[in-house]
Amino acid sequence: MDSCDYFQGEELLTERGIGELMNHWMLRNAASDRHGPLSILEVSPAGIVVADALLTKALMPTERIHLAWPDVDAALVPYPLD
């Protein structure tokens, strides 16, 4: 994925649809045993916040991971389907 600025990121989100935010994600360089699927909790000019998808669904406390918006480094990648 090519780098983009904030407005290009907004356009990509509009093209792909907000439903893409509901998918499960993973950190590109994370060890698979450390993190399971991640859910996007927030996308704002302040950044992207993700957390463990299963724990957040169960309303359990979990580590929040903060990433830059837009994600020009492609730190988030789709979680592989089982």
PDB file of N, CA and C in Angstrom:
ATOM      1  N   MET A   1       0.846  -1.174   0.000  1.00  0.00           N
ATOM      2  CA  MET A   1       0.000   0.000   0.000  1.00  0.00           C
ATOM      3  C   MET A   1       0.889   1.235   0.000  1.00  0.00           C
ATOM      4  N   ASP A   2       0.525   2.202  -0.804  1.00  0.00           N
ATOM      5  CA  ASP A   2       1.295   3.431  -0.882  1.00  0.00           C
ATOM      6  C   ASP A   2       0.964   4.346   0.281  1.00  0.00           C
ATOM      7  N   SER A   3       1.935   5.198   0.625  1.00  0.00           N
ATOM      8  CA  SER A   3       1.713   6.197   1.664  1.00  0.00           C
ATOM      9  C   SER A   3       0.682   7.204   1.178  1.00  0.00           C
ATOM     10  N   CYS A   4      -0.037   7.804   2.120  1.00  0.00           N
ATOM     11  CA  CYS A   4      -1.008   8.822   1.757  1.00  0.00           C
ATOM     12  C   CYS A   4      -1.129   9.826   2.894  1.00  0.00           C
ATOM     13  N   ASP A   5      -1.705  10.980   2.585  1.00  0.00           N
ATOM     14  CA  ASP A   5      -1.916  11.969   3.632  1.00  0.00           C
ATOM     15  C   ASP A   5      -3.310  11.780   4.233  1.00  0.00           C
ATOM     16  N   TYR A   6      -3.659  12.637   5.161  1.00  0.00           N
ATOM     17  CA  TYR A   6      -4.932  12.506   5.881  1.00  0.00           C
ATOM     18  C   TYR A   6      -6.126  12.487   4.925  1.00  0.00           C
ATOM     19  N   PHE A   7      -6.165  13.415   3.975  1.00  0.00           N
ATOM     20  CA  PHE A   7      -7.316  13.510   3.082  1.00  0.00           C
ATOM     21  C   PHE A   7      -7.393  12.311   2.141  1.00  0.00           C
ATOM     22  N   GLN A   8      -6.238  11.809   1.697  1.00  0.00           N
ATOM     23  CA  GLN A   8      -6.244  10.597   0.877  1.00  0.00           C
ATOM     24  C   GLN A   8      -6.737   9.407   1.699  1.00  0.00           C
ATOM     25  N   GLY A   9      -6.361   9.375   2.965  1.00  0.00           N
ATOM     26  CA  GLY A   9      -6.842   8.317   3.855  1.00  0.00           C
ATOM     27  C   GLY A   9      -8.354   8.364   4.004  1.00  0.00           C
ATOM     28  N   GLU A  10      -8.900   9.559   4.137  1.00  0.00           N
ATOM     29  CA  GLU A  10     -10.355   9.731   4.220  1.00  0.00           C
ATOM     30  C   GLU A  10     -11.028   9.230   2.944  1.00  0.00           C
ATOM     31  N   GLU A  11     -10.428   9.544   1.787  1.00  0.00           N
ATOM     32  CA  GLU A  11     -10.989   9.095   0.516  1.00  0.00           C
ATOM     33  C   GLU A  11     -10.968   7.571   0.415  1.00  0.00           C
ATOM     34  N   LEU A  12      -9.865   6.949   0.859  1.00  0.00           N
ATOM     35  CA  LEU A  12      -9.782   5.485   0.846  1.00  0.00           C
ATOM     36  C   LEU A  12     -10.874   4.872   1.718  1.00  0.00           C
ATOM     37  N   LEU A  13     -11.103   5.457   2.872  1.00  0.00           N
ATOM     38  CA  LEU A  13     -12.146   4.959   3.766  1.00  0.00           C
ATOM     39  C   LEU A  13     -13.517   5.072   3.108  1.00  0.00           C
ATOM     40  N   THR A  14     -13.755   6.174   2.427  1.00  0.00           N
ATOM     41  CA  THR A  14     -15.023   6.367   1.732  1.00  0.00           C
ATOM     42  C   THR A  14     -15.184   5.343   0.612  1.00  0.00           C
ATOM     43  N   GLU A  15     -14.108   5.089  -0.154  1.00  0.00           N
ATOM     44  CA  GLU A  15     -14.155   4.115  -1.248  1.00  0.00           C
ATOM     45  C   GLU A  15     -14.409   2.701  -0.740  1.00  0.00           C
ATOM     46  N   ARG A  16     -13.711   2.311   0.293  1.00  0.00           N
ATOM     47  CA  ARG A  16     -13.784   0.935   0.796  1.00  0.00           C
ATOM     48  C   ARG A  16     -15.005   0.693   1.670  1.00  0.00           C
ATOM     49  N   GLY A  17     -15.527   1.740   2.238  1.00  0.00           N
ATOM     50  CA  GLY A  17     -16.700   1.620   3.093  1.00  0.00           C
ATOM     51  C   GLY A  17     -16.325   1.492   4.553  1.00  0.00           C
ATOM     52  N   ILE A  18     -17.186   2.030   5.375  1.00  0.00           N
ATOM     53  CA  ILE A  18     -16.922   2.027   6.812  1.00  0.00           C
ATOM     54  C   ILE A  18     -16.965   0.610   7.383  1.00  0.00           C
ATOM     55  N   GLY A  19     -17.625  -0.308   6.669  1.00  0.00           N
ATOM     56  CA  GLY A  19     -17.687  -1.695   7.113  1.00  0.00           C
ATOM     57  C   GLY A  19     -16.319  -2.345   7.229  1.00  0.00           C
ATOM     58  N   GLU A  20     -15.352  -1.853   6.463  1.00  0.00           N
ATOM     59  CA  GLU A  20     -13.996  -2.406   6.542  1.00  0.00           C
ATOM     60  C   GLU A  20     -13.407  -2.239   7.940  1.00  0.00           C
ATOM     61  N   LEU A  21     -13.859  -1.225   8.655  1.00  0.00           N
ATOM     62  CA  LEU A  21     -13.363  -1.003  10.012  1.00  0.00           C
ATOM     63  C   LEU A  21     -13.796  -2.115  10.964  1.00  0.00           C
ATOM     64  N   MET A  22     -14.839  -2.852  10.606  1.00  0.00           N
ATOM     65  CA  MET A  22     -15.353  -3.916  11.470  1.00  0.00           C
ATOM     66  C   MET A  22     -14.571  -5.222  11.331  1.00  0.00           C
ATOM     67  N   ASN A  23     -13.719  -5.312  10.316  1.00  0.00           N
ATOM     68  CA  ASN A  23     -12.920  -6.526  10.121  1.00  0.00           C
ATOM     69  C   ASN A  23     -11.931  -6.707  11.261  1.00  0.00           C
ATOM     70  N   HIS A  24     -11.429  -7.922  11.387  1.00  0.00           N
ATOM     71  CA  HIS A  24     -10.357  -8.172  12.356  1.00  0.00           C
ATOM     72  C   HIS A  24      -9.020  -7.849  11.708  1.00  0.00           C
ATOM     73  N   TRP A  25      -8.101  -7.325  12.524  1.00  0.00           N
ATOM     74  CA  TRP A  25      -6.804  -6.856  12.059  1.00  0.00           C
ATOM     75  C   TRP A  25      -5.709  -7.447  12.924  1.00  0.00           C
ATOM     76  N   MET A  26      -4.489  -7.311  12.467  1.00  0.00           N
ATOM     77  CA  MET A  26      -3.337  -7.689  13.277  1.00  0.00           C
ATOM     78  C   MET A  26      -2.217  -6.705  12.988  1.00  0.00           C
ATOM     79  N   LEU A  27      -1.278  -6.622  13.912  1.00  0.00           N
ATOM     80  CA  LEU A  27      -0.111  -5.784  13.699  1.00  0.00           C
ATOM     81  C   LEU A  27       0.835  -6.526  12.769  1.00  0.00           C
ATOM     82  N   ARG A  28       1.321  -5.837  11.762  1.00  0.00           N
ATOM     83  CA  ARG A  28       2.147  -6.463  10.737  1.00  0.00           C
ATOM     84  C   ARG A  28       3.344  -7.190  11.323  1.00  0.00           C
ATOM     85  N   ASN A  29       4.020  -6.610  12.288  1.00  0.00           N
ATOM     86  CA  ASN A  29       5.248  -7.197  12.817  1.00  0.00           C
ATOM     87  C   ASN A  29       5.066  -7.882  14.168  1.00  0.00           C
ATOM     88  N   ALA A  30       3.836  -8.156  14.564  1.00  0.00           N
ATOM     89  CA  ALA A  30       3.594  -8.762  15.882  1.00  0.00           C
ATOM     90  C   ALA A  30       3.729 -10.279  15.815  1.00  0.00           C
ATOM     91  N   ALA A  31       4.254 -10.842  16.884  1.00  0.00           N
ATOM     92  CA  ALA A  31       4.286 -12.299  17.011  1.00  0.00           C
ATOM     93  C   ALA A  31       2.852 -12.786  17.196  1.00  0.00           C
ATOM     94  N   SER A  32       2.478 -13.833  16.485  1.00  0.00           N
ATOM     95  CA  SER A  32       1.090 -14.300  16.522  1.00  0.00           C
ATOM     96  C   SER A  32       0.668 -14.790  17.902  1.00  0.00           C
ATOM     97  N   ASP A  33       1.633 -15.208  18.729  1.00  0.00           N
ATOM     98  CA  ASP A  33       1.268 -15.695  20.059  1.00  0.00           C
ATOM     99  C   ASP A  33       1.005 -14.564  21.043  1.00  0.00           C
ATOM    100  N   ARG A  34       1.396 -13.342  20.699  1.00  0.00           N
ATOM    101  CA  ARG A  34       1.196 -12.208  21.608  1.00  0.00           C
ATOM    102  C   ARG A  34      -0.183 -11.576  21.425  1.00  0.00           C
ATOM    103  N   HIS A  35      -0.604 -11.447  20.198  1.00  0.00           N
ATOM    104  CA  HIS A  35      -1.883 -10.797  19.901  1.00  0.00           C
ATOM    105  C   HIS A  35      -2.736 -11.708  19.036  1.00  0.00           C
ATOM    106  N   GLY A  36      -4.000 -11.822  19.406  1.00  0.00           N
ATOM    107  CA  GLY A  36      -4.974 -12.471  18.543  1.00  0.00           C
ATOM    108  C   GLY A  36      -5.532 -11.415  17.606  1.00  0.00           C
ATOM    109  N   PRO A  37      -6.724 -11.623  17.093  1.00  0.00           N
ATOM    110  CA  PRO A  37      -7.319 -10.614  16.223  1.00  0.00           C
ATOM    111  C   PRO A  37      -7.577  -9.319  16.995  1.00  0.00           C
ATOM    112  N   LEU A  38      -7.381  -8.208  16.305  1.00  0.00           N
ATOM    113  CA  LEU A  38      -7.603  -6.888  16.893  1.00  0.00           C
ATOM    114  C   LEU A  38      -8.830  -6.254  16.261  1.00  0.00           C
ATOM    115  N   SER A  39      -9.544  -5.462  17.048  1.00  0.00           N
ATOM    116  CA  SER A  39     -10.657  -4.653  16.555  1.00  0.00           C
ATOM    117  C   SER A  39     -10.247  -3.192  16.589  1.00  0.00           C
ATOM    118  N   ILE A  40     -10.696  -2.457  15.589  1.00  0.00           N
ATOM    119  CA  ILE A  40     -10.480  -1.013  15.585  1.00  0.00           C
ATOM    120  C   ILE A  40     -11.545  -0.395  16.479  1.00  0.00           C
ATOM    121  N   LEU A  41     -11.106   0.306  17.510  1.00  0.00           N
ATOM    122  CA  LEU A  41     -12.026   0.950  18.445  1.00  0.00           C
ATOM    123  C   LEU A  41     -12.307   2.394  18.065  1.00  0.00           C
ATOM    124  N   GLU A  42     -11.309   3.047  17.469  1.00  0.00           N
ATOM    125  CA  GLU A  42     -11.447   4.477  17.170  1.00  0.00           C
ATOM    126  C   GLU A  42     -10.539   4.846  16.013  1.00  0.00           C
ATOM    127  N   VAL A  43     -11.057   5.683  15.120  1.00  0.00           N
ATOM    128  CA  VAL A  43     -10.255   6.305  14.070  1.00  0.00           C
ATOM    129  C   VAL A  43     -10.581   7.784  14.119  1.00  0.00           C
ATOM    130  N   SER A  44      -9.569   8.600  14.359  1.00  0.00           N
ATOM    131  CA  SER A  44      -9.762  10.047  14.443  1.00  0.00           C
ATOM    132  C   SER A  44      -8.469  10.720  14.000  1.00  0.00           C
ATOM    133  N   PRO A  45      -8.490  12.032  13.825  1.00  0.00           N
ATOM    134  CA  PRO A  45      -7.240  12.711  13.494  1.00  0.00           C
ATOM    135  C   PRO A  45      -6.146  12.470  14.536  1.00  0.00           C
ATOM    136  N   ALA A  46      -6.534  12.098  15.755  1.00  0.00           N
ATOM    137  CA  ALA A  46      -5.549  11.824  16.811  1.00  0.00           C
ATOM    138  C   ALA A  46      -4.896  10.459  16.644  1.00  0.00           C
ATOM    139  N   GLY A  47      -5.487   9.576  15.827  1.00  0.00           N
ATOM    140  CA  GLY A  47      -4.884   8.275  15.590  1.00  0.00           C
ATOM    141  C   GLY A  47      -5.900   7.150  15.542  1.00  0.00           C
ATOM    142  N   ILE A  48      -5.370   5.935  15.446  1.00  0.00           N
ATOM    143  CA  ILE A  48      -6.173   4.715  15.412  1.00  0.00           C
ATOM    144  C   ILE A  48      -5.941   3.987  16.726  1.00  0.00           C
ATOM    145  N   VAL A  49      -7.012   3.528  17.346  1.00  0.00           N
ATOM    146  CA  VAL A  49      -6.899   2.755  18.585  1.00  0.00           C
ATOM    147  C   VAL A  49      -7.452   1.364  18.301  1.00  0.00           C
ATOM    148  N   VAL A  50      -6.631   0.345  18.586  1.00  0.00           N
ATOM    149  CA  VAL A  50      -7.054  -1.044  18.418  1.00  0.00           C
ATOM    150  C   VAL A  50      -6.855  -1.788  19.727  1.00  0.00           C
ATOM    151  N   ALA A  51      -7.578  -2.899  19.867  1.00  0.00           N
ATOM    152  CA  ALA A  51      -7.447  -3.736  21.063  1.00  0.00           C
ATOM    153  C   ALA A  51      -7.891  -5.151  20.707  1.00  0.00           C
ATOM    154  N   ASP A  52      -7.604  -6.084  21.597  1.00  0.00           N
ATOM    155  CA  ASP A  52      -7.966  -7.488  21.409  1.00  0.00           C
ATOM    156  C   ASP A  52      -9.461  -7.599  21.102  1.00  0.00           C
ATOM    157  N   ALA A  53      -9.790  -8.197  19.959  1.00  0.00           N
ATOM    158  CA  ALA A  53     -11.176  -8.257  19.500  1.00  0.00           C
ATOM    159  C   ALA A  53     -12.075  -9.048  20.442  1.00  0.00           C
ATOM    160  N   LEU A  54     -11.595 -10.164  20.932  1.00  0.00           N
ATOM    161  CA  LEU A  54     -12.437 -11.005  21.786  1.00  0.00           C
ATOM    162  C   LEU A  54     -12.663 -10.379  23.155  1.00  0.00           C
ATOM    163  N   LEU A  55     -11.619  -9.788  23.721  1.00  0.00           N
ATOM    164  CA  LEU A  55     -11.769  -9.171  25.038  1.00  0.00           C
ATOM    165  C   LEU A  55     -12.655  -7.932  24.988  1.00  0.00           C
ATOM    166  N   THR A  56     -12.531  -7.136  23.935  1.00  0.00           N
ATOM    167  CA  THR A  56     -13.387  -5.950  23.844  1.00  0.00           C
ATOM    168  C   THR A  56     -14.840  -6.348  23.617  1.00  0.00           C
ATOM    169  N   LYS A  57     -15.068  -7.421  22.858  1.00  0.00           N
ATOM    170  CA  LYS A  57     -16.441  -7.895  22.648  1.00  0.00           C
ATOM    171  C   LYS A  57     -17.062  -8.356  23.963  1.00  0.00           C
ATOM    172  N   ALA A  58     -16.236  -8.941  24.831  1.00  0.00           N
ATOM    173  CA  ALA A  58     -16.709  -9.405  26.141  1.00  0.00           C
ATOM    174  C   ALA A  58     -16.693  -8.294  27.190  1.00  0.00           C
ATOM    175  N   LEU A  59     -16.362  -7.072  26.762  1.00  0.00           N
ATOM    176  CA  LEU A  59     -16.282  -5.906  27.647  1.00  0.00           C
ATOM    177  C   LEU A  59     -15.272  -6.102  28.779  1.00  0.00           C
ATOM    178  N   MET A  60     -14.202  -6.805  28.487  1.00  0.00           N
ATOM    179  CA  MET A  60     -13.132  -7.038  29.457  1.00  0.00           C
ATOM    180  C   MET A  60     -12.033  -5.998  29.251  1.00  0.00           C
ATOM    181  N   PRO A  61     -11.327  -5.632  30.311  1.00  0.00           N
ATOM    182  CA  PRO A  61     -10.206  -4.706  30.157  1.00  0.00           C
ATOM    183  C   PRO A  61      -9.107  -5.344  29.304  1.00  0.00           C
ATOM    184  N   THR A  62      -8.504  -4.560  28.452  1.00  0.00           N
ATOM    185  CA  THR A  62      -7.421  -5.043  27.601  1.00  0.00           C
ATOM    186  C   THR A  62      -6.533  -3.877  27.192  1.00  0.00           C
ATOM    187  N   GLU A  63      -5.335  -4.201  26.782  1.00  0.00           N
ATOM    188  CA  GLU A  63      -4.373  -3.187  26.337  1.00  0.00           C
ATOM    189  C   GLU A  63      -4.910  -2.472  25.105  1.00  0.00           C
ATOM    190  N   ARG A  64      -4.798  -1.163  25.095  1.00  0.00           N
ATOM    191  CA  ARG A  64      -5.141  -0.348  23.930  1.00  0.00           C
ATOM    192  C   ARG A  64      -3.843  -0.034  23.192  1.00  0.00           C
ATOM    193  N   ILE A  65      -3.846  -0.224  21.890  1.00  0.00           N
ATOM    194  CA  ILE A  65      -2.676   0.046  21.061  1.00  0.00           C
ATOM    195  C   ILE A  65      -3.002   1.256  20.203  1.00  0.00           C
ATOM    196  N   HIS A  66      -2.147   2.267  20.253  1.00  0.00           N
ATOM    197  CA  HIS A  66      -2.358   3.513  19.511  1.00  0.00           C
ATOM    198  C   HIS A  66      -1.433   3.553  18.300  1.00  0.00           C
ATOM    199  N   LEU A  67      -2.017   3.868  17.146  1.00  0.00           N
ATOM    200  CA  LEU A  67      -1.277   3.967  15.894  1.00  0.00           C
ATOM    201  C   LEU A  67      -1.576   5.311  15.250  1.00  0.00           C
ATOM    202  N   ALA A  68      -0.696   5.730  14.368  1.00  0.00           N
ATOM    203  CA  ALA A  68      -0.894   6.997  13.659  1.00  0.00           C
ATOM    204  C   ALA A  68      -2.007   6.855  12.619  1.00  0.00           C
ATOM    205  N   TRP A  69      -2.736   7.951  12.391  1.00  0.00           N
ATOM    206  CA  TRP A  69      -3.712   8.030  11.305  1.00  0.00           C
ATOM    207  C   TRP A  69      -3.277   9.123  10.368  1.00  0.00           C
ATOM    208  N   PRO A  70      -3.195   8.861   9.067  1.00  0.00           N
ATOM    209  CA  PRO A  70      -3.411   7.565   8.442  1.00  0.00           C
ATOM    210  C   PRO A  70      -2.250   6.616   8.701  1.00  0.00           C
ATOM    211  N   ASP A  71      -2.514   5.339   8.550  1.00  0.00           N
ATOM    212  CA  ASP A  71      -1.524   4.289   8.809  1.00  0.00           C
ATOM    213  C   ASP A  71      -0.602   4.154   7.593  1.00  0.00           C
ATOM    214  N   VAL A  72       0.254   5.151   7.388  1.00  0.00           N
ATOM    215  CA  VAL A  72       1.119   5.165   6.208  1.00  0.00           C
ATOM    216  C   VAL A  72       2.179   4.066   6.250  1.00  0.00           C
ATOM    217  N   ASP A  73       2.486   3.552   7.425  1.00  0.00           N
ATOM    218  CA  ASP A  73       3.469   2.474   7.539  1.00  0.00           C
ATOM    219  C   ASP A  73       2.831   1.099   7.376  1.00  0.00           C
ATOM    220  N   ALA A  74       1.528   1.057   7.169  1.00  0.00           N
ATOM    221  CA  ALA A  74       0.781  -0.202   7.037  1.00  0.00           C
ATOM    222  C   ALA A  74       1.050  -1.128   8.215  1.00  0.00           C
ATOM    223  N   ALA A  75       0.985  -0.566   9.425  1.00  0.00           N
ATOM    224  CA  ALA A  75       1.196  -1.361  10.637  1.00  0.00           C
ATOM    225  C   ALA A  75       0.050  -2.342  10.853  1.00  0.00           C
ATOM    226  N   LEU A  76      -1.157  -1.984  10.414  1.00  0.00           N
ATOM    227  CA  LEU A  76      -2.317  -2.877  10.525  1.00  0.00           C
ATOM    228  C   LEU A  76      -2.517  -3.620   9.214  1.00  0.00           C
ATOM    229  N   VAL A  77      -2.677  -4.924   9.312  1.00  0.00           N
ATOM    230  CA  VAL A  77      -2.962  -5.754   8.138  1.00  0.00           C
ATOM    231  C   VAL A  77      -4.164  -6.638   8.474  1.00  0.00           C
ATOM    232  N   PRO A  78      -4.900  -7.082   7.459  1.00  0.00           N
ATOM    233  CA  PRO A  78      -6.046  -7.950   7.739  1.00  0.00           C
ATOM    234  C   PRO A  78      -5.620  -9.218   8.474  1.00  0.00           C
ATOM    235  N   TYR A  79      -6.440  -9.628   9.424  1.00  0.00           N
ATOM    236  CA  TYR A  79      -6.175 -10.853  10.179  1.00  0.00           C
ATOM    237  C   TYR A  79      -6.511 -12.038   9.282  1.00  0.00           C
ATOM    238  N   PRO A  80      -5.632 -13.033   9.212  1.00  0.00           N
ATOM    239  CA  PRO A  80      -5.915 -14.176   8.328  1.00  0.00           C
ATOM    240  C   PRO A  80      -7.148 -14.951   8.798  1.00  0.00           C
ATOM    241  N   LEU A  81      -7.956 -15.349   7.859  1.00  0.00           N
ATOM    242  CA  LEU A  81      -9.148 -16.134   8.184  1.00  0.00           C
ATOM    243  C   LEU A  81      -8.741 -17.563   8.483  1.00  0.00           C
ATOM    244  N   ASP A  82      -9.387 -18.158   9.469  1.00  0.00           N
ATOM    245  CA  ASP A  82      -9.084 -19.550   9.816  1.00  0.00           C
ATOM    246  C   ASP A  82      -9.813 -20.508   8.904  1.00  0.00           C
TER     247      ASP A  82
END
